[in-house]
C-alpha atoms as a PDB file:
ATOM      1  CA  UNK A   1      -7.441  -1.177  29.762  1.00  0.00           C
ATOM      2  CA  UNK A   2     -11.141  -1.068  30.597  1.00  0.00           C
ATOM      3  CA  UNK A   3     -11.569   2.429  29.111  1.00  0.00           C
ATOM      4  CA  UNK A   4      -9.906   1.279  25.883  1.00  0.00           C
ATOM      5  CA  UNK A   5     -12.322  -1.640  25.614  1.00  0.00           C
ATOM      6  CA  UNK A   6     -15.332   0.573  26.344  1.00  0.00           C
ATOM      7  CA  UNK A   7     -14.315   3.199  23.767  1.00  0.00           C
ATOM      8  CA  UNK A   8     -13.517   0.525  21.185  1.00  0.00           C
ATOM      9  CA  UNK A   9     -16.886  -1.180  21.666  1.00  0.00           C
ATOM     10  CA  UNK A  10     -18.643   2.189  21.334  1.00  0.00           C
ATOM     11  CA  UNK A  11     -16.754   2.950  18.113  1.00  0.00           C
ATOM     12  CA  UNK A  12     -17.533  -0.533  16.822  1.00  0.00           C
ATOM     13  CA  UNK A  13     -21.231   0.019  17.540  1.00  0.00           C
ATOM     14  CA  UNK A  14     -21.113   3.356  15.731  1.00  0.00           C
ATOM     15  CA  UNK A  15     -19.436   1.639  12.777  1.00  0.00           C
ATOM     16  CA  UNK A  16     -22.111  -1.059  12.613  1.00  0.00           C
ATOM     17  CA  UNK A  17     -24.876   1.537  12.920  1.00  0.00           C
ATOM     18  CA  UNK A  18     -23.335   3.618  10.136  1.00  0.00           C
ATOM     19  CA  UNK A  19     -22.948   0.498   8.016  1.00  0.00           C
ATOM     20  CA  UNK A  20     -26.492  -0.780   8.466  1.00  0.00           C
ATOM     21  CA  UNK A  21     -27.981   2.656   7.812  1.00  0.00           C
ATOM     22  CA  UNK A  22     -25.734   3.387   4.841  1.00  0.00           C
ATOM     23  CA  UNK A  23     -26.383  -0.057   3.417  1.00  0.00           C
ATOM     24  CA  UNK A  24     -30.104   0.628   3.588  1.00  0.00           C
ATOM     25  CA  UNK A  25     -29.574   3.926   1.767  1.00  0.00           C
ATOM     26  CA  UNK A  26     -27.213   2.317  -0.761  1.00  0.00           C
ATOM     27  CA  UNK A  27     -29.654  -0.369  -1.801  1.00  0.00           C
ATOM     28  CA  UNK A  28     -32.578   2.076  -1.804  1.00  0.00           C
ATOM     29  CA  UNK A  29     -30.583   4.515  -3.953  1.00  0.00           C
ATOM     30  CA  UNK A  30     -29.652   1.615  -6.238  1.00  0.00           C
ATOM     31  CA  UNK A  31     -33.325   0.772  -6.808  1.00  0.00           C
ATOM     32  CA  UNK A  32     -34.246   4.410  -7.418  1.00  0.00           C
ATOM     33  CA  UNK A  33     -31.295   4.834  -9.787  1.00  0.00           C
ATOM     34  CA  UNK A  34     -32.087   1.766 -11.905  1.00  0.00           C
ATOM     35  CA  UNK A  35     -35.835   2.391 -11.974  1.00  0.00           C
ATOM     36  CA  UNK A  36     -35.577   4.351 -15.226  1.00  0.00           C
ATOM     37  CA  UNK A  37     -32.945   2.022 -16.683  1.00  0.00           C
ATOM     38  CA  UNK A  38     -29.994   4.375 -16.401  1.00  0.00           C
ATOM     39  CA  UNK A  39     -27.977   5.888 -13.572  1.00  0.00           C
ATOM     40  CA  UNK A  40     -27.546   9.618 -14.184  1.00  0.00           C
ATOM     41  CA  UNK A  41     -24.765  11.818 -12.812  1.00  0.00           C
ATOM     42  CA  UNK A  42     -26.714  13.168  -9.810  1.00  0.00           C
ATOM     43  CA  UNK A  43     -27.713   9.640  -8.773  1.00  0.00           C
ATOM     44  CA  UNK A  44     -24.099   8.525  -9.180  1.00  0.00           C
ATOM     45  CA  UNK A  45     -22.888  11.408  -6.949  1.00  0.00           C
ATOM     46  CA  UNK A  46     -25.366  10.614  -4.173  1.00  0.00           C
ATOM     47  CA  UNK A  47     -24.520   6.921  -4.341  1.00  0.00           C
ATOM     48  CA  UNK A  48     -20.818   7.832  -4.197  1.00  0.00           C
ATOM     49  CA  UNK A  49     -21.281   9.703  -0.923  1.00  0.00           C
ATOM     50  CA  UNK A  50     -23.173   6.768   0.573  1.00  0.00           C
ATOM     51  CA  UNK A  51     -20.402   4.391  -0.539  1.00  0.00           C
ATOM     52  CA  UNK A  52     -17.809   6.597   1.186  1.00  0.00           C
ATOM     53  CA  UNK A  53     -19.780   6.377   4.446  1.00  0.00           C
ATOM     54  CA  UNK A  54     -19.989   2.590   3.979  1.00  0.00           C
ATOM     55  CA  UNK A  55     -16.220   2.394   3.525  1.00  0.00           C
ATOM     56  CA  UNK A  56     -15.637   4.512   6.636  1.00  0.00           C
ATOM     57  CA  UNK A  57     -17.939   2.177   8.580  1.00  0.00           C
ATOM     58  CA  UNK A  58     -16.118  -0.885   7.230  1.00  0.00           C
ATOM     59  CA  UNK A  59     -12.687   0.466   8.181  1.00  0.00           C
ATOM     60  CA  UNK A  60     -13.958   1.491  11.624  1.00  0.00           C
ATOM     61  CA  UNK A  61     -15.365  -1.995  12.190  1.00  0.00           C
ATOM     62  CA  UNK A  62     -12.190  -3.675  10.928  1.00  0.00           C
ATOM     63  CA  UNK A  63      -9.980  -1.609  13.244  1.00  0.00           C
ATOM     64  CA  UNK A  64     -12.189  -1.893  16.322  1.00  0.00           C
ATOM     65  CA  UNK A  65     -12.830  -5.601  15.870  1.00  0.00           C
ATOM     66  CA  UNK A  66      -9.095  -6.124  15.377  1.00  0.00           C
ATOM     67  CA  UNK A  67      -8.366  -4.271  18.617  1.00  0.00           C
ATOM     68  CA  UNK A  68     -11.029  -6.191  20.543  1.00  0.00           C
ATOM     69  CA  UNK A  69      -9.836  -9.513  19.125  1.00  0.00           C
ATOM     70  CA  UNK A  70      -6.241  -8.740  20.044  1.00  0.00           C
ATOM     71  CA  UNK A  71      -7.230  -7.823  23.599  1.00  0.00           C
ATOM     72  CA  UNK A  72      -9.574 -10.817  23.835  1.00  0.00           C
ATOM     73  CA  UNK A  73      -6.910 -13.210  22.608  1.00  0.00           C
ATOM     74  CA  UNK A  74      -4.322 -11.781  25.012  1.00  0.00           C
ATOM     75  CA  UNK A  75      -6.732 -12.301  27.925  1.00  0.00           C
ATOM     76  CA  UNK A  76      -8.457 -15.582  26.987  1.00  0.00           C
ATOM     77  CA  UNK A  77      -6.378 -17.192  24.243  1.00  0.00           C
ATOM     78  CA  UNK A  78      -8.269 -19.121  21.591  1.00  0.00           C
ATOM     79  CA  UNK A  79     -11.314 -19.366  23.888  1.00  0.00           C
ATOM     80  CA  UNK A  80     -12.056 -15.772  22.912  1.00  0.00           C
ATOM     81  CA  UNK A  81     -12.893 -16.874  19.367  1.00  0.00           C
ATOM     82  CA  UNK A  82     -16.443 -18.020  20.029  1.00  0.00           C
ATOM     83  CA  UNK A  83     -18.893 -18.569  17.156  1.00  0.00           C
ATOM     84  CA  UNK A  84     -20.043 -14.976  17.727  1.00  0.00           C
ATOM     85  CA  UNK A  85     -16.534 -13.573  17.209  1.00  0.00           C
ATOM     86  CA  UNK A  86     -15.750 -15.890  14.293  1.00  0.00           C
ATOM     87  CA  UNK A  87     -19.119 -15.096  12.706  1.00  0.00           C
ATOM     88  CA  UNK A  88     -18.447 -11.380  13.100  1.00  0.00           C
ATOM     89  CA  UNK A  89     -15.088 -11.804  11.341  1.00  0.00           C
ATOM     90  CA  UNK A  90     -16.747 -13.827   8.567  1.00  0.00           C
ATOM     91  CA  UNK A  91     -19.129 -10.921   7.990  1.00  0.00           C
ATOM     92  CA  UNK A  92     -16.260  -8.412   7.891  1.00  0.00           C
ATOM     93  CA  UNK A  93     -14.375 -10.526   5.353  1.00  0.00           C
ATOM     94  CA  UNK A  94     -17.487 -10.982   3.199  1.00  0.00           C
ATOM     95  CA  UNK A  95     -18.202  -7.236   3.309  1.00  0.00           C
ATOM     96  CA  UNK A  96     -14.671  -6.373   2.169  1.00  0.00           C
ATOM     97  CA  UNK A  97     -14.413  -9.033  -0.549  1.00  0.00           C
ATOM     98  CA  UNK A  98     -17.881  -8.272  -1.889  1.00  0.00           C
ATOM     99  CA  UNK A  99     -17.208  -4.510  -1.892  1.00  0.00           C
ATOM    100  CA  UNK A 100     -13.998  -5.057  -3.874  1.00  0.00           C
ATOM    101  CA  UNK A 101     -15.757  -7.383  -6.316  1.00  0.00           C
ATOM    102  CA  UNK A 102     -18.648  -4.938  -6.782  1.00  0.00           C
ATOM    103  CA  UNK A 103     -16.269  -1.983  -7.251  1.00  0.00           C
ATOM    104  CA  UNK A 104     -14.335  -3.890  -9.929  1.00  0.00           C
ATOM    105  CA  UNK A 105     -17.648  -4.970 -11.532  1.00  0.00           C
ATOM    106  CA  UNK A 106     -16.838  -8.657 -11.059  1.00  0.00           C
ATOM    107  CA  UNK A 107     -19.765  -9.330  -8.713  1.00  0.00           C
ATOM    108  CA  UNK A 108     -23.081  -9.261 -10.604  1.00  0.00           C
ATOM    109  CA  UNK A 109     -25.759  -6.814  -9.475  1.00  0.00           C
ATOM    110  CA  UNK A 110     -28.087  -9.786  -8.991  1.00  0.00           C
ATOM    111  CA  UNK A 111     -25.953 -10.933  -6.039  1.00  0.00           C
ATOM    112  CA  UNK A 112     -23.632  -8.128  -4.832  1.00  0.00           C
ATOM    113  CA  UNK A 113     -26.107  -5.628  -3.357  1.00  0.00           C
ATOM    114  CA  UNK A 114     -28.106  -8.396  -1.671  1.00  0.00           C
ATOM    115  CA  UNK A 115     -24.967  -9.975  -0.225  1.00  0.00           C
ATOM    116  CA  UNK A 116     -23.789  -6.615   1.098  1.00  0.00           C
ATOM    117  CA  UNK A 117     -27.170  -5.754   2.625  1.00  0.00           C
ATOM    118  CA  UNK A 118     -27.643  -9.202   4.166  1.00  0.00           C
ATOM    119  CA  UNK A 119     -24.132  -9.052   5.645  1.00  0.00           C
ATOM    120  CA  UNK A 120     -24.753  -5.632   7.182  1.00  0.00           C
ATOM    121  CA  UNK A 121     -28.128  -6.646   8.584  1.00  0.00           C
ATOM    122  CA  UNK A 122     -26.694  -9.883   9.976  1.00  0.00           C
ATOM    123  CA  UNK A 123     -23.947  -7.849  11.648  1.00  0.00           C
ATOM    124  CA  UNK A 124     -26.589  -5.532  13.129  1.00  0.00           C
ATOM    125  CA  UNK A 125     -28.518  -8.524  14.442  1.00  0.00           C
ATOM    126  CA  UNK A 126     -25.333  -9.982  15.956  1.00  0.00           C
ATOM    127  CA  UNK A 127     -24.697  -6.705  17.778  1.00  0.00           C
ATOM    128  CA  UNK A 128     -28.280  -6.734  19.102  1.00  0.00           C
ATOM    129  CA  UNK A 129     -27.921 -10.353  20.227  1.00  0.00           C
ATOM    130  CA  UNK A 130     -24.655  -9.455  21.951  1.00  0.00           C
ATOM    131  CA  UNK A 131     -26.283  -6.584  23.849  1.00  0.00           C
ATOM    132  CA  UNK A 132     -28.957  -9.023  25.026  1.00  0.00           C
ATOM    133  CA  UNK A 133     -26.372 -11.635  26.021  1.00  0.00           C
ATOM    134  CA  UNK A 134     -27.719 -14.094  23.438  1.00  0.00           C
ATOM    135  CA  UNK A 135     -24.468 -15.216  21.836  1.00  0.00           C
ATOM    136  CA  UNK A 136     -24.450 -18.885  22.828  1.00  0.00           C
ATOM    137  CA  UNK A 137     -24.975 -20.281  19.333  1.00  0.00           C
ATOM    138  CA  UNK A 138     -22.887 -22.614  17.213  1.00  0.00           C
ATOM    139  CA  UNK A 139     -21.176 -21.893  13.892  1.00  0.00           C
ATOM    140  CA  UNK A 140     -23.747 -24.204  12.318  1.00  0.00           C
ATOM    141  CA  UNK A 141     -26.577 -21.992  13.585  1.00  0.00           C
ATOM    142  CA  UNK A 142     -24.748 -18.846  12.527  1.00  0.00           C
ATOM    143  CA  UNK A 143     -24.067 -20.252   9.049  1.00  0.00           C
ATOM    144  CA  UNK A 144     -27.640 -21.499   8.644  1.00  0.00           C
ATOM    145  CA  UNK A 145     -29.044 -18.119   9.695  1.00  0.00           C
ATOM    146  CA  UNK A 146     -26.633 -16.167   7.483  1.00  0.00           C
ATOM    147  CA  UNK A 147     -27.329 -18.303   4.411  1.00  0.00           C
ATOM    148  CA  UNK A 148     -31.068 -17.913   5.022  1.00  0.00           C
ATOM    149  CA  UNK A 149     -30.731 -14.119   5.218  1.00  0.00           C
ATOM    150  CA  UNK A 150     -28.615 -14.085   2.037  1.00  0.00           C
ATOM    151  CA  UNK A 151     -31.174 -16.172   0.131  1.00  0.00           C
ATOM    152  CA  UNK A 152     -34.016 -13.933   1.325  1.00  0.00           C
ATOM    153  CA  UNK A 153     -32.078 -10.801   0.369  1.00  0.00           C
ATOM    154  CA  UNK A 154     -31.150 -12.152  -3.083  1.00  0.00           C
ATOM    155  CA  UNK A 155     -34.786 -13.092  -3.680  1.00  0.00           C
ATOM    156  CA  UNK A 156     -36.034  -9.708  -2.507  1.00  0.00           C
ATOM    157  CA  UNK A 157     -33.465  -7.665  -4.448  1.00  0.00           C
ATOM    158  CA  UNK A 158     -33.965  -9.655  -7.649  1.00  0.00           C
ATOM    159  CA  UNK A 159     -37.736  -9.513  -7.219  1.00  0.00           C
ATOM    160  CA  UNK A 160     -37.617  -5.729  -6.897  1.00  0.00           C
ATOM    161  CA  UNK A 161     -35.233  -5.446  -9.866  1.00  0.00           C
ATOM    162  CA  UNK A 162     -37.565  -7.639 -11.967  1.00  0.00           C
ATOM    163  CA  UNK A 163     -40.570  -5.562 -10.954  1.00  0.00           C
ATOM    164  CA  UNK A 164     -38.758  -2.326 -11.864  1.00  0.00           C
ATOM    165  CA  UNK A 165     -37.689  -3.792 -15.214  1.00  0.00           C
ATOM    166  CA  UNK A 166     -41.244  -4.961 -15.913  1.00  0.00           C
ATOM    167  CA  UNK A 167     -42.590  -1.518 -15.037  1.00  0.00           C
ATOM    168  CA  UNK A 168     -40.041   0.137 -17.368  1.00  0.00           C
ATOM    169  CA  UNK A 169     -40.906  -2.223 -20.224  1.00  0.00           C
ATOM    170  CA  UNK A 170     -44.640  -1.735 -19.687  1.00  0.00           C
ATOM    171  CA  UNK A 171     -44.217   2.051 -19.731  1.00  0.00           C
ATOM    172  CA  UNK A 172     -42.047   1.808 -22.832  1.00  0.00           C
ATOM    173  CA  UNK A 173     -44.698  -0.245 -24.674  1.00  0.00           C
ATOM    174  CA  UNK A 174     -47.435   2.175 -23.615  1.00  0.00           C
ATOM    175  CA  UNK A 175     -45.422   5.146 -24.924  1.00  0.00           C
ATOM    176  CA  UNK A 176     -44.883   3.502 -28.313  1.00  0.00           C
END
């Protein structure tokens, strides 16, 4: 049983690492792609590859977290579902719902990319806190921290998008 837990935790860590890195590339590619006001075919292809890696990371995290939660519940019952574990599941659910909403173009670009990035980075921080043994927080603290990260990410993403739009408009006026 111990080897299964160790391998599952390693795969979960790989999934989170892939997700955080791919999320960084996804949002960076998004900014580069919209800088000129249109997403061309080569930009779309590169972004597509990054999105595939993100989906692989999401599925890997879903499976590994499901395995760990099943084992944890069988060993500790409901005590296993600490704020850390519940918070981790909240992030997984948000990542999946937001990805579906962005793919179907229901989630606006003013919120979706920031929500995805803030969720990935929060998950990365949770994994770091876990490795340091700093997981004795409440759901209130988790929620407060997560909302703060989301608001910062939305502000940052929209600020960058506004700056890129302003730059495009300024260049367009100068060319006329």
